[in-house]
Amino acid sequence: MALIGSHGIEKDSIKAVLVDLSGTIHVGNHEIPGAIDACIRLQKEPGIQVLFLTNTTKLSSFSLLQQLRTIGFGEDAVPDGSIMTSTGAAREILMKYDLK
């Protein structure tokens, strides 16, 4: 049983990690030091889905991904399709429940 930190969380019980974008892995066009390496390590963890979240409504997930690529976050750190915006989440709910 591998424990994470001092909280006693069993590593095997973690199924997903949600990572906020702005201020967590980058600020503007600059990486938070160590964020790229941390994202790569997370992506390599077996059985853990990693999603990147943002509440911005100004940029699409594609635009955010392009910004991260420019900063230096490669496919191995932030894979295509792993960014969810608040607008995208709302759209998915509307479509899932056929709301108009």
C-alpha atoms as a PDB file:
ATOM      1  CA  MET A   1       0.000   0.000   0.000  1.00  0.00           C
ATOM      2  CA  ALA A   2       1.631   3.226  -1.182  1.00  0.00           C
ATOM      3  CA  LEU A   3       0.553   6.350   0.649  1.00  0.00           C
ATOM      4  CA  ILE A   4       0.641   9.860  -0.734  1.00  0.00           C
ATOM      5  CA  GLY A   5       1.732  12.680   1.549  1.00  0.00           C
ATOM      6  CA  SER A   6       0.711  12.852   5.179  1.00  0.00           C
ATOM      7  CA  HIS A   7      -3.005  12.446   4.424  1.00  0.00           C
ATOM      8  CA  GLY A   8      -2.845   8.658   4.282  1.00  0.00           C
ATOM      9  CA  ILE A   9      -4.430   8.433   0.832  1.00  0.00           C
ATOM     10  CA  GLU A  10      -3.800   5.085  -0.804  1.00  0.00           C
ATOM     11  CA  LYS A  11      -2.266   5.679  -4.224  1.00  0.00           C
ATOM     12  CA  ASP A  12      -4.223   2.767  -5.695  1.00  0.00           C
ATOM     13  CA  SER A  13      -7.510   4.460  -4.749  1.00  0.00           C
ATOM     14  CA  ILE A  14      -6.835   7.506  -6.954  1.00  0.00           C
ATOM     15  CA  LYS A  15      -8.641   7.195 -10.291  1.00  0.00           C
ATOM     16  CA  ALA A  16      -8.363  10.747 -11.606  1.00  0.00           C
ATOM     17  CA  VAL A  17      -6.469  13.971 -11.051  1.00  0.00           C
ATOM     18  CA  LEU A  18      -8.035  17.323 -11.911  1.00  0.00           C
ATOM     19  CA  VAL A  19      -5.488  20.075 -12.530  1.00  0.00           C
ATOM     20  CA  ASP A  20      -6.407  23.741 -12.796  1.00  0.00           C
ATOM     21  CA  LEU A  21      -4.525  25.582 -15.529  1.00  0.00           C
ATOM     22  CA  SER A  22      -3.931  29.264 -14.842  1.00  0.00           C
ATOM     23  CA  GLY A  23      -1.870  29.848 -11.734  1.00  0.00           C
ATOM     24  CA  THR A  24      -1.296  26.141 -11.190  1.00  0.00           C
ATOM     25  CA  ILE A  25       0.790  24.981 -14.138  1.00  0.00           C
ATOM     26  CA  HIS A  26       1.306  28.352 -15.832  1.00  0.00           C
ATOM     27  CA  VAL A  27       0.914  32.080 -15.348  1.00  0.00           C
ATOM     28  CA  GLY A  28       0.359  33.906 -18.599  1.00  0.00           C
ATOM     29  CA  ASN A  29       2.955  32.586 -21.022  1.00  0.00           C
ATOM     30  CA  HIS A  30       5.262  31.172 -18.351  1.00  0.00           C
ATOM     31  CA  GLU A  31       5.434  27.702 -16.825  1.00  0.00           C
ATOM     32  CA  ILE A  32       5.203  27.392 -13.064  1.00  0.00           C
ATOM     33  CA  PRO A  33       8.641  25.864 -12.291  1.00  0.00           C
ATOM     34  CA  GLY A  34       8.464  22.069 -12.363  1.00  0.00           C
ATOM     35  CA  ALA A  35       4.946  21.932 -13.804  1.00  0.00           C
ATOM     36  CA  ILE A  36       5.890  20.299 -17.107  1.00  0.00           C
ATOM     37  CA  ASP A  37       7.809  17.516 -15.371  1.00  0.00           C
ATOM     38  CA  ALA A  38       4.987  17.033 -12.855  1.00  0.00           C
ATOM     39  CA  CYS A  39       2.416  16.742 -15.664  1.00  0.00           C
ATOM     40  CA  ILE A  40       4.566  14.190 -17.481  1.00  0.00           C
ATOM     41  CA  ARG A  41       4.900  12.120 -14.293  1.00  0.00           C
ATOM     42  CA  LEU A  42       1.122  12.244 -13.763  1.00  0.00           C
ATOM     43  CA  GLN A  43       0.469  11.088 -17.333  1.00  0.00           C
ATOM     44  CA  LYS A  44       2.732   8.079 -16.769  1.00  0.00           C
ATOM     45  CA  GLU A  45       0.803   6.896 -13.692  1.00  0.00           C
ATOM     46  CA  PRO A  46      -1.130   3.747 -14.655  1.00  0.00           C
ATOM     47  CA  GLY A  47      -4.869   3.806 -14.060  1.00  0.00           C
ATOM     48  CA  ILE A  48      -5.065   7.551 -13.374  1.00  0.00           C
ATOM     49  CA  GLN A  49      -6.945   9.841 -15.750  1.00  0.00           C
ATOM     50  CA  VAL A  50      -5.585  13.398 -15.802  1.00  0.00           C
ATOM     51  CA  LEU A  51      -7.845  16.273 -16.842  1.00  0.00           C
ATOM     52  CA  PHE A  52      -6.913  19.929 -17.026  1.00  0.00           C
ATOM     53  CA  LEU A  53      -9.676  22.343 -16.038  1.00  0.00           C
ATOM     54  CA  THR A  54     -10.295  26.045 -16.388  1.00  0.00           C
ATOM     55  CA  ASN A  55     -13.194  28.360 -15.739  1.00  0.00           C
ATOM     56  CA  THR A  56     -12.131  30.818 -18.429  1.00  0.00           C
ATOM     57  CA  THR A  57     -14.738  31.601 -21.038  1.00  0.00           C
ATOM     58  CA  LYS A  58     -12.427  33.752 -23.160  1.00  0.00           C
ATOM     59  CA  LEU A  59     -10.449  30.931 -24.806  1.00  0.00           C
ATOM     60  CA  SER A  60     -11.418  27.587 -26.302  1.00  0.00           C
ATOM     61  CA  SER A  61      -9.770  24.373 -25.172  1.00  0.00           C
ATOM     62  CA  PHE A  62      -7.920  24.344 -28.513  1.00  0.00           C
ATOM     63  CA  SER A  63      -6.560  27.872 -27.922  1.00  0.00           C
ATOM     64  CA  LEU A  64      -5.518  26.945 -24.387  1.00  0.00           C
ATOM     65  CA  LEU A  65      -3.756  23.842 -25.667  1.00  0.00           C
ATOM     66  CA  GLN A  66      -1.893  25.912 -28.261  1.00  0.00           C
ATOM     67  CA  GLN A  67      -0.845  28.355 -25.530  1.00  0.00           C
ATOM     68  CA  LEU A  68       0.464  25.463 -23.418  1.00  0.00           C
ATOM     69  CA  ARG A  69       2.340  24.035 -26.417  1.00  0.00           C
ATOM     70  CA  THR A  70       3.996  27.432 -26.949  1.00  0.00           C
ATOM     71  CA  ILE A  71       5.070  27.480 -23.293  1.00  0.00           C
ATOM     72  CA  GLY A  72       6.609  24.014 -23.638  1.00  0.00           C
ATOM     73  CA  PHE A  73       3.919  21.556 -22.517  1.00  0.00           C
ATOM     74  CA  GLY A  74       4.142  18.717 -25.038  1.00  0.00           C
ATOM     75  CA  GLU A  75       1.699  15.924 -25.803  1.00  0.00           C
ATOM     76  CA  ASP A  76       3.408  13.869 -23.082  1.00  0.00           C
ATOM     77  CA  ALA A  77       2.486  16.502 -20.468  1.00  0.00           C
ATOM     78  CA  VAL A  78      -0.923  17.715 -21.696  1.00  0.00           C
ATOM     79  CA  PRO A  79      -2.407  15.351 -24.291  1.00  0.00           C
ATOM     80  CA  ASP A  80      -4.828  16.558 -26.947  1.00  0.00           C
ATOM     81  CA  GLY A  81      -8.386  16.387 -25.624  1.00  0.00           C
ATOM     82  CA  SER A  82      -7.417  16.601 -21.947  1.00  0.00           C
ATOM     83  CA  ILE A  83      -8.505  20.234 -21.375  1.00  0.00           C
ATOM     84  CA  MET A  84     -12.043  20.972 -20.203  1.00  0.00           C
ATOM     85  CA  THR A  85     -13.347  24.527 -20.082  1.00  0.00           C
ATOM     86  CA  SER A  86     -16.427  25.578 -18.125  1.00  0.00           C
ATOM     87  CA  THR A  87     -18.145  26.359 -21.435  1.00  0.00           C
ATOM     88  CA  GLY A  88     -17.240  22.921 -22.779  1.00  0.00           C
ATOM     89  CA  ALA A  89     -18.541  21.232 -19.624  1.00  0.00           C
ATOM     90  CA  ALA A  90     -21.844  23.118 -19.899  1.00  0.00           C
ATOM     91  CA  ARG A  91     -22.115  22.125 -23.569  1.00  0.00           C
ATOM     92  CA  GLU A  92     -21.545  18.448 -22.729  1.00  0.00           C
ATOM     93  CA  ILE A  93     -24.297  18.505 -20.091  1.00  0.00           C
ATOM     94  CA  LEU A  94     -26.723  20.190 -22.473  1.00  0.00           C
ATOM     95  CA  MET A  95     -26.003  17.582 -25.143  1.00  0.00           C
ATOM     96  CA  LYS A  96     -26.047  14.622 -22.748  1.00  0.00           C
ATOM     97  CA  TYR A  97     -29.514  15.486 -21.459  1.00  0.00           C
ATOM     98  CA  ASP A  98     -30.767  16.838 -24.802  1.00  0.00           C
ATOM     99  CA  LEU A  99     -31.481  20.231 -23.258  1.00  0.00           C
ATOM    100  CA  LYS A 100     -32.260  23.132 -25.567  1.00  0.00           C
END
